[in-house]
PDB file of N, CA and C in Angstrom:
ATOM      1  N   UNK A   1       0.856  -1.179   0.000  1.00  0.00           N
ATOM      2  CA  UNK A   1       0.000   0.000   0.000  1.00  0.00           C
ATOM      3  C   UNK A   1       0.901   1.240   0.000  1.00  0.00           C
ATOM      4  N   UNK A   2       0.601   2.191  -0.866  1.00  0.00           N
ATOM      5  CA  UNK A   2       1.414   3.403  -0.956  1.00  0.00           C
ATOM      6  C   UNK A   2       1.104   4.362   0.182  1.00  0.00           C
ATOM      7  N   UNK A   3       2.004   5.338   0.378  1.00  0.00           N
ATOM      8  CA  UNK A   3       1.762   6.374   1.385  1.00  0.00           C
ATOM      9  C   UNK A   3       0.428   7.060   1.137  1.00  0.00           C
ATOM     10  N   UNK A   4       0.162   7.389  -0.113  1.00  0.00           N
ATOM     11  CA  UNK A   4      -1.076   8.091  -0.445  1.00  0.00           C
ATOM     12  C   UNK A   4      -2.301   7.258  -0.092  1.00  0.00           C
ATOM     13  N   UNK A   5      -2.248   5.972  -0.393  1.00  0.00           N
ATOM     14  CA  UNK A   5      -3.371   5.089  -0.072  1.00  0.00           C
ATOM     15  C   UNK A   5      -3.579   4.987   1.438  1.00  0.00           C
ATOM     16  N   UNK A   6      -2.476   4.929   2.190  1.00  0.00           N
ATOM     17  CA  UNK A   6      -2.599   4.903   3.647  1.00  0.00           C
ATOM     18  C   UNK A   6      -3.189   6.208   4.166  1.00  0.00           C
ATOM     19  N   UNK A   7      -2.671   7.326   3.673  1.00  0.00           N
ATOM     20  CA  UNK A   7      -3.135   8.626   4.166  1.00  0.00           C
ATOM     21  C   UNK A   7      -4.597   8.895   3.818  1.00  0.00           C
ATOM     22  N   UNK A   8      -5.106   8.259   2.774  1.00  0.00           N
ATOM     23  CA  UNK A   8      -6.526   8.407   2.425  1.00  0.00           C
ATOM     24  C   UNK A   8      -7.430   7.746   3.462  1.00  0.00           C
ATOM     25  N   UNK A   9      -6.872   6.943   4.351  1.00  0.00           N
ATOM     26  CA  UNK A   9      -7.642   6.305   5.417  1.00  0.00           C
ATOM     27  C   UNK A   9      -7.869   7.263   6.590  1.00  0.00           C
ATOM     28  N   UNK A  10      -7.195   8.401   6.569  1.00  0.00           N
ATOM     29  CA  UNK A  10      -7.327   9.416   7.624  1.00  0.00           C
ATOM     30  C   UNK A  10      -8.095  10.599   7.051  1.00  0.00           C
ATOM     31  N   UNK A  11      -9.019  11.130   7.830  1.00  0.00           N
ATOM     32  CA  UNK A  11      -9.814  12.261   7.372  1.00  0.00           C
ATOM     33  C   UNK A  11      -9.973  13.280   8.491  1.00  0.00           C
ATOM     34  N   UNK A  12     -10.212  14.517   8.106  1.00  0.00           N
ATOM     35  CA  UNK A  12     -10.483  15.601   9.058  1.00  0.00           C
ATOM     36  C   UNK A  12     -11.798  16.257   8.635  1.00  0.00           C
ATOM     37  N   UNK A  13     -12.732  16.301   9.546  1.00  0.00           N
ATOM     38  CA  UNK A  13     -14.042  16.896   9.287  1.00  0.00           C
ATOM     39  C   UNK A  13     -14.441  17.672  10.529  1.00  0.00           C
ATOM     40  N   UNK A  14     -14.704  18.971  10.391  1.00  0.00           N
ATOM     41  CA  UNK A  14     -15.065  19.772  11.558  1.00  0.00           C
ATOM     42  C   UNK A  14     -16.281  19.232  12.319  1.00  0.00           C
ATOM     43  N   UNK A  15     -17.106  18.403  11.658  1.00  0.00           N
ATOM     44  CA  UNK A  15     -18.294  17.856  12.302  1.00  0.00           C
ATOM     45  C   UNK A  15     -18.009  16.551  13.058  1.00  0.00           C
ATOM     46  N   UNK A  16     -16.795  16.032  12.907  1.00  0.00           N
ATOM     47  CA  UNK A  16     -16.428  14.779  13.572  1.00  0.00           C
ATOM     48  C   UNK A  16     -15.231  15.035  14.480  1.00  0.00           C
ATOM     49  N   UNK A  17     -15.423  14.823  15.768  1.00  0.00           N
ATOM     50  CA  UNK A  17     -14.363  14.990  16.763  1.00  0.00           C
ATOM     51  C   UNK A  17     -13.679  16.367  16.660  1.00  0.00           C
ATOM     52  N   UNK A  18     -14.484  17.372  16.429  1.00  0.00           N
ATOM     53  CA  UNK A  18     -14.038  18.778  16.361  1.00  0.00           C
ATOM     54  C   UNK A  18     -12.921  18.976  15.331  1.00  0.00           C
ATOM     55  N   UNK A  19     -12.949  18.172  14.268  1.00  0.00           N
ATOM     56  CA  UNK A  19     -11.988  18.349  13.187  1.00  0.00           C
ATOM     57  C   UNK A  19     -10.657  17.654  13.382  1.00  0.00           C
ATOM     58  N   UNK A  20     -10.500  16.916  14.485  1.00  0.00           N
ATOM     59  CA  UNK A  20      -9.249  16.170  14.670  1.00  0.00           C
ATOM     60  C   UNK A  20      -9.139  15.097  13.594  1.00  0.00           C
ATOM     61  N   UNK A  21      -7.917  14.728  13.210  1.00  0.00           N
ATOM     62  CA  UNK A  21      -7.764  13.649  12.248  1.00  0.00           C
ATOM     63  C   UNK A  21      -8.260  12.330  12.840  1.00  0.00           C
ATOM     64  N   UNK A  22      -9.110  11.645  12.095  1.00  0.00           N
ATOM     65  CA  UNK A  22      -9.681  10.373  12.533  1.00  0.00           C
ATOM     66  C   UNK A  22      -9.499   9.331  11.440  1.00  0.00           C
ATOM     67  N   UNK A  23      -9.611   8.069  11.834  1.00  0.00           N
ATOM     68  CA  UNK A  23      -9.641   6.987  10.856  1.00  0.00           C
ATOM     69  C   UNK A  23     -10.994   7.081  10.157  1.00  0.00           C
ATOM     70  N   UNK A  24     -10.951   7.152   8.842  1.00  0.00           N
ATOM     71  CA  UNK A  24     -12.162   7.340   8.037  1.00  0.00           C
ATOM     72  C   UNK A  24     -13.248   6.333   8.424  1.00  0.00           C
ATOM     73  N   UNK A  25     -14.462   6.846   8.620  1.00  0.00           N
ATOM     74  CA  UNK A  25     -15.597   6.009   8.959  1.00  0.00           C
ATOM     75  C   UNK A  25     -15.718   5.694  10.441  1.00  0.00           C
ATOM     76  N   UNK A  26     -14.833   6.297  11.248  1.00  0.00           N
ATOM     77  CA  UNK A  26     -14.873   6.069  12.690  1.00  0.00           C
ATOM     78  C   UNK A  26     -14.805   7.403  13.422  1.00  0.00           C
ATOM     79  N   UNK A  27     -14.872   7.329  14.733  1.00  0.00           N
ATOM     80  CA  UNK A  27     -14.634   8.494  15.578  1.00  0.00           C
ATOM     81  C   UNK A  27     -13.351   8.271  16.384  1.00  0.00           C
ATOM     82  N   UNK A  28     -12.494   7.397  15.882  1.00  0.00           N
ATOM     83  CA  UNK A  28     -11.218   7.107  16.537  1.00  0.00           C
ATOM     84  C   UNK A  28     -10.157   8.055  15.990  1.00  0.00           C
ATOM     85  N   UNK A  29      -9.658   8.913  16.869  1.00  0.00           N
ATOM     86  CA  UNK A  29      -8.670   9.896  16.435  1.00  0.00           C
ATOM     87  C   UNK A  29      -7.290   9.261  16.312  1.00  0.00           C
ATOM     88  N   UNK A  30      -6.488   9.865  15.462  1.00  0.00           N
ATOM     89  CA  UNK A  30      -5.108   9.421  15.295  1.00  0.00           C
ATOM     90  C   UNK A  30      -4.384   9.493  16.633  1.00  0.00           C
ATOM     91  N   UNK A  31      -4.570  10.588  17.363  1.00  0.00           N
ATOM     92  CA  UNK A  31      -3.853  10.720  18.637  1.00  0.00           C
ATOM     93  C   UNK A  31      -4.314   9.672  19.654  1.00  0.00           C
ATOM     94  N   UNK A  32      -5.565   9.256  19.603  1.00  0.00           N
ATOM     95  CA  UNK A  32      -6.047   8.208  20.509  1.00  0.00           C
ATOM     96  C   UNK A  32      -5.335   6.884  20.224  1.00  0.00           C
ATOM     97  N   UNK A  33      -5.239   6.533  18.949  1.00  0.00           N
ATOM     98  CA  UNK A  33      -4.572   5.288  18.567  1.00  0.00           C
ATOM     99  C   UNK A  33      -3.096   5.339  18.952  1.00  0.00           C
ATOM    100  N   UNK A  34      -2.447   6.454  18.681  1.00  0.00           N
ATOM    101  CA  UNK A  34      -1.030   6.590  19.042  1.00  0.00           C
ATOM    102  C   UNK A  34      -0.833   6.513  20.544  1.00  0.00           C
ATOM    103  N   UNK A  35      -1.745   7.100  21.301  1.00  0.00           N
ATOM    104  CA  UNK A  35      -1.661   7.059  22.758  1.00  0.00           C
ATOM    105  C   UNK A  35      -1.820   5.623  23.272  1.00  0.00           C
ATOM    106  N   UNK A  36      -2.730   4.870  22.668  1.00  0.00           N
ATOM    107  CA  UNK A  36      -2.868   3.463  23.050  1.00  0.00           C
ATOM    108  C   UNK A  36      -1.542   2.723  22.852  1.00  0.00           C
ATOM    109  N   UNK A  37      -0.927   2.956  21.707  1.00  0.00           N
ATOM    110  CA  UNK A  37       0.330   2.279  21.413  1.00  0.00           C
ATOM    111  C   UNK A  37       1.448   2.757  22.333  1.00  0.00           C
ATOM    112  N   UNK A  38       1.473   4.034  22.646  1.00  0.00           N
ATOM    113  CA  UNK A  38       2.496   4.570  23.540  1.00  0.00           C
ATOM    114  C   UNK A  38       2.396   3.972  24.935  1.00  0.00           C
ATOM    115  N   UNK A  39       1.206   3.556  25.292  1.00  0.00           N
ATOM    116  CA  UNK A  39       0.994   2.972  26.620  1.00  0.00           C
ATOM    117  C   UNK A  39       0.985   1.442  26.590  1.00  0.00           C
ATOM    118  N   UNK A  40       1.497   0.864  25.512  1.00  0.00           N
ATOM    119  CA  UNK A  40       1.730  -0.568  25.495  1.00  0.00           C
ATOM    120  C   UNK A  40       0.775  -1.426  24.701  1.00  0.00           C
ATOM    121  N   UNK A  41      -0.283  -0.852  24.157  1.00  0.00           N
ATOM    122  CA  UNK A  41      -1.191  -1.666  23.337  1.00  0.00           C
ATOM    123  C   UNK A  41      -0.495  -2.051  22.041  1.00  0.00           C
ATOM    124  N   UNK A  42      -0.708  -3.268  21.634  1.00  0.00           N
ATOM    125  CA  UNK A  42      -0.159  -3.724  20.354  1.00  0.00           C
ATOM    126  C   UNK A  42      -1.211  -3.510  19.266  1.00  0.00           C
ATOM    127  N   UNK A  43      -0.774  -3.662  18.033  1.00  0.00           N
ATOM    128  CA  UNK A  43      -1.718  -3.579  16.922  1.00  0.00           C
ATOM    129  C   UNK A  43      -2.812  -4.627  17.113  1.00  0.00           C
ATOM    130  N   UNK A  44      -2.418  -5.830  17.497  1.00  0.00           N
ATOM    131  CA  UNK A  44      -3.406  -6.888  17.716  1.00  0.00           C
ATOM    132  C   UNK A  44      -4.393  -6.528  18.826  1.00  0.00           C
ATOM    133  N   UNK A  45      -3.909  -5.905  19.907  1.00  0.00           N
ATOM    134  CA  UNK A  45      -4.796  -5.469  20.989  1.00  0.00           C
ATOM    135  C   UNK A  45      -5.854  -4.499  20.460  1.00  0.00           C
ATOM    136  N   UNK A  46      -5.407  -3.543  19.668  1.00  0.00           N
ATOM    137  CA  UNK A  46      -6.310  -2.510  19.145  1.00  0.00           C
ATOM    138  C   UNK A  46      -7.318  -3.130  18.181  1.00  0.00           C
ATOM    139  N   UNK A  47      -6.846  -4.009  17.307  1.00  0.00           N
ATOM    140  CA  UNK A  47      -7.742  -4.654  16.345  1.00  0.00           C
ATOM    141  C   UNK A  47      -8.752  -5.558  17.041  1.00  0.00           C
ATOM    142  N   UNK A  48      -8.356  -6.155  18.148  1.00  0.00           N
ATOM    143  CA  UNK A  48      -9.279  -6.995  18.911  1.00  0.00           C
ATOM    144  C   UNK A  48     -10.370  -6.155  19.577  1.00  0.00           C
ATOM    145  N   UNK A  49      -9.999  -4.973  20.023  1.00  0.00           N
ATOM    146  CA  UNK A  49     -10.956  -4.080  20.684  1.00  0.00           C
ATOM    147  C   UNK A  49     -11.886  -3.393  19.679  1.00  0.00           C
ATOM    148  N   UNK A  50     -11.356  -3.027  18.527  1.00  0.00           N
ATOM    149  CA  UNK A  50     -12.116  -2.292  17.507  1.00  0.00           C
ATOM    150  C   UNK A  50     -12.177  -3.153  16.240  1.00  0.00           C
ATOM    151  N   UNK A  51     -13.183  -4.001  16.168  1.00  0.00           N
ATOM    152  CA  UNK A  51     -13.285  -5.036  15.141  1.00  0.00           C
ATOM    153  C   UNK A  51     -13.366  -4.508  13.711  1.00  0.00           C
ATOM    154  N   UNK A  52     -13.814  -3.273  13.528  1.00  0.00           N
ATOM    155  CA  UNK A  52     -13.936  -2.736  12.173  1.00  0.00           C
ATOM    156  C   UNK A  52     -12.618  -2.195  11.625  1.00  0.00           C
ATOM    157  N   UNK A  53     -11.616  -2.043  12.490  1.00  0.00           N
ATOM    158  CA  UNK A  53     -10.322  -1.525  12.036  1.00  0.00           C
ATOM    159  C   UNK A  53      -9.531  -2.601  11.317  1.00  0.00           C
ATOM    160  N   UNK A  54      -8.670  -2.136  10.437  1.00  0.00           N
ATOM    161  CA  UNK A  54      -7.742  -2.995   9.707  1.00  0.00           C
ATOM    162  C   UNK A  54      -6.317  -2.610  10.107  1.00  0.00           C
ATOM    163  N   UNK A  55      -5.362  -3.513   9.953  1.00  0.00           N
ATOM    164  CA  UNK A  55      -3.970  -3.160  10.258  1.00  0.00           C
ATOM    165  C   UNK A  55      -3.509  -1.913   9.506  1.00  0.00           C
ATOM    166  N   UNK A  56      -4.025  -1.734   8.292  1.00  0.00           N
ATOM    167  CA  UNK A  56      -3.658  -0.557   7.504  1.00  0.00           C
ATOM    168  C   UNK A  56      -4.108   0.740   8.174  1.00  0.00           C
ATOM    169  N   UNK A  57      -5.190   0.702   8.942  1.00  0.00           N
ATOM    170  CA  UNK A  57      -5.654   1.896   9.648  1.00  0.00           C
ATOM    171  C   UNK A  57      -4.625   2.326  10.699  1.00  0.00           C
ATOM    172  N   UNK A  58      -4.045   1.358  11.391  1.00  0.00           N
ATOM    173  CA  UNK A  58      -3.032   1.658  12.399  1.00  0.00           C
ATOM    174  C   UNK A  58      -1.781   2.201  11.714  1.00  0.00           C
ATOM    175  N   UNK A  59      -1.389   1.554  10.619  1.00  0.00           N
ATOM    176  CA  UNK A  59      -0.224   2.050   9.861  1.00  0.00           C
ATOM    177  C   UNK A  59      -0.482   3.458   9.347  1.00  0.00           C
ATOM    178  N   UNK A  60      -1.712   3.736   8.945  1.00  0.00           N
ATOM    179  CA  UNK A  60      -2.058   5.073   8.464  1.00  0.00           C
ATOM    180  C   UNK A  60      -1.887   6.112   9.573  1.00  0.00           C
ATOM    181  N   UNK A  61      -2.258   5.763  10.802  1.00  0.00           N
ATOM    182  CA  UNK A  61      -2.077   6.674  11.936  1.00  0.00           C
ATOM    183  C   UNK A  61      -0.599   6.984  12.149  1.00  0.00           C
ATOM    184  N   UNK A  62       0.221   5.951  12.091  1.00  0.00           N
ATOM    185  CA  UNK A  62       1.663   6.144  12.276  1.00  0.00           C
ATOM    186  C   UNK A  62       2.250   7.010  11.165  1.00  0.00           C
ATOM    187  N   UNK A  63       1.844   6.746   9.935  1.00  0.00           N
ATOM    188  CA  UNK A  63       2.345   7.531   8.814  1.00  0.00           C
ATOM    189  C   UNK A  63       1.871   8.975   8.911  1.00  0.00           C
ATOM    190  N   UNK A  64       0.610   9.174   9.264  1.00  0.00           N
ATOM    191  CA  UNK A  64       0.074  10.532   9.403  1.00  0.00           C
ATOM    192  C   UNK A  64       0.878  11.311  10.440  1.00  0.00           C
ATOM    193  N   UNK A  65       1.150  10.682  11.574  1.00  0.00           N
ATOM    194  CA  UNK A  65       1.927  11.344  12.629  1.00  0.00           C
ATOM    195  C   UNK A  65       3.336  11.668  12.136  1.00  0.00           C
ATOM    196  N   UNK A  66       3.941  10.723  11.447  1.00  0.00           N
ATOM    197  CA  UNK A  66       5.289  10.932  10.925  1.00  0.00           C
ATOM    198  C   UNK A  66       5.327  12.095   9.942  1.00  0.00           C
ATOM    199  N   UNK A  67       4.384  12.117   9.020  1.00  0.00           N
ATOM    200  CA  UNK A  67       4.325  13.207   8.036  1.00  0.00           C
ATOM    201  C   UNK A  67       4.024  14.541   8.711  1.00  0.00           C
ATOM    202  N   UNK A  68       3.173  14.525   9.724  1.00  0.00           N
ATOM    203  CA  UNK A  68       2.817  15.760  10.433  1.00  0.00           C
ATOM    204  C   UNK A  68       4.004  16.347  11.168  1.00  0.00           C
ATOM    205  N   UNK A  69       4.851  15.484  11.701  1.00  0.00           N
ATOM    206  CA  UNK A  69       6.001  15.942  12.477  1.00  0.00           C
ATOM    207  C   UNK A  69       7.231  16.246  11.629  1.00  0.00           C
ATOM    208  N   UNK A  70       7.246  15.798  10.404  1.00  0.00           N
ATOM    209  CA  UNK A  70       8.449  15.944   9.578  1.00  0.00           C
ATOM    210  C   UNK A  70       8.817  17.398   9.304  1.00  0.00           C
ATOM    211  N   UNK A  71       7.851  18.284   9.315  1.00  0.00           N
ATOM    212  CA  UNK A  71       8.156  19.694   9.056  1.00  0.00           C
ATOM    213  C   UNK A  71       8.002  20.551  10.309  1.00  0.00           C
ATOM    214  N   UNK A  72       8.043  19.900  11.465  1.00  0.00           N
ATOM    215  CA  UNK A  72       7.873  20.600  12.731  1.00  0.00           C
ATOM    216  C   UNK A  72       9.190  20.627  13.484  1.00  0.00           C
ATOM    217  N   UNK A  73       9.492  21.759  14.084  1.00  0.00           N
ATOM    218  CA  UNK A  73      10.656  21.833  14.956  1.00  0.00           C
ATOM    219  C   UNK A  73      10.232  21.278  16.303  1.00  0.00           C
ATOM    220  N   UNK A  74      10.930  20.251  16.746  1.00  0.00           N
ATOM    221  CA  UNK A  74      10.576  19.605  18.007  1.00  0.00           C
ATOM    222  C   UNK A  74      11.414  20.179  19.131  1.00  0.00           C
ATOM    223  N   UNK A  75      10.734  20.582  20.166  1.00  0.00           N
ATOM    224  CA  UNK A  75      11.413  21.077  21.367  1.00  0.00           C
ATOM    225  C   UNK A  75      11.145  20.080  22.478  1.00  0.00           C
ATOM    226  N   UNK A  76      12.199  19.519  23.061  1.00  0.00           N
ATOM    227  CA  UNK A  76      11.970  18.552  24.151  1.00  0.00           C
ATOM    228  C   UNK A  76      11.227  19.201  25.314  1.00  0.00           C
ATOM    229  N   UNK A  77      10.459  18.370  26.025  1.00  0.00           N
ATOM    230  CA  UNK A  77       9.700  18.876  27.170  1.00  0.00           C
ATOM    231  C   UNK A  77      10.618  19.246  28.328  1.00  0.00           C
ATOM    232  N   UNK A  78      11.759  18.585  28.421  1.00  0.00           N
ATOM    233  CA  UNK A  78      12.732  18.870  29.480  1.00  0.00           C
ATOM    234  C   UNK A  78      14.121  18.811  28.890  1.00  0.00           C
ATOM    235  N   UNK A  79      14.971  19.672  29.364  1.00  0.00           N
ATOM    236  CA  UNK A  79      16.350  19.700  28.900  1.00  0.00           C
ATOM    237  C   UNK A  79      17.203  18.988  29.953  1.00  0.00           C
ATOM    238  N   UNK A  80      17.960  17.998  29.484  1.00  0.00           N
ATOM    239  CA  UNK A  80      18.813  17.278  30.410  1.00  0.00           C
ATOM    240  C   UNK A  80      20.135  18.037  30.558  1.00  0.00           C
ATOM    241  N   UNK A  81      20.608  18.107  31.786  1.00  0.00           N
ATOM    242  CA  UNK A  81      21.905  18.748  32.021  1.00  0.00           C
ATOM    243  C   UNK A  81      22.949  17.675  32.246  1.00  0.00           C
ATOM    244  N   UNK A  82      24.159  17.979  31.843  1.00  0.00           N
ATOM    245  CA  UNK A  82      25.247  16.986  31.949  1.00  0.00           C
ATOM    246  C   UNK A  82      25.737  16.808  33.361  1.00  0.00           C
TER     247      UNK A  82
END
């Protein structure tokens, strides 16, 4: 599946979840899926909980986040001192 095909699985509509990016046809936001994964959920865990999702939907969330951050200057939340 190409990047474009994956990204077409994500949509933004002001009438759905206040315009946050969601997996098309759902009310599951990209940030919600990423947060689940950040806290230890696996792709299989998520697919088991949300039966209508496909593995490509999870990959689309990851790609969307990657593309969104690629042109952003990231500032760490805390600066470590030596």
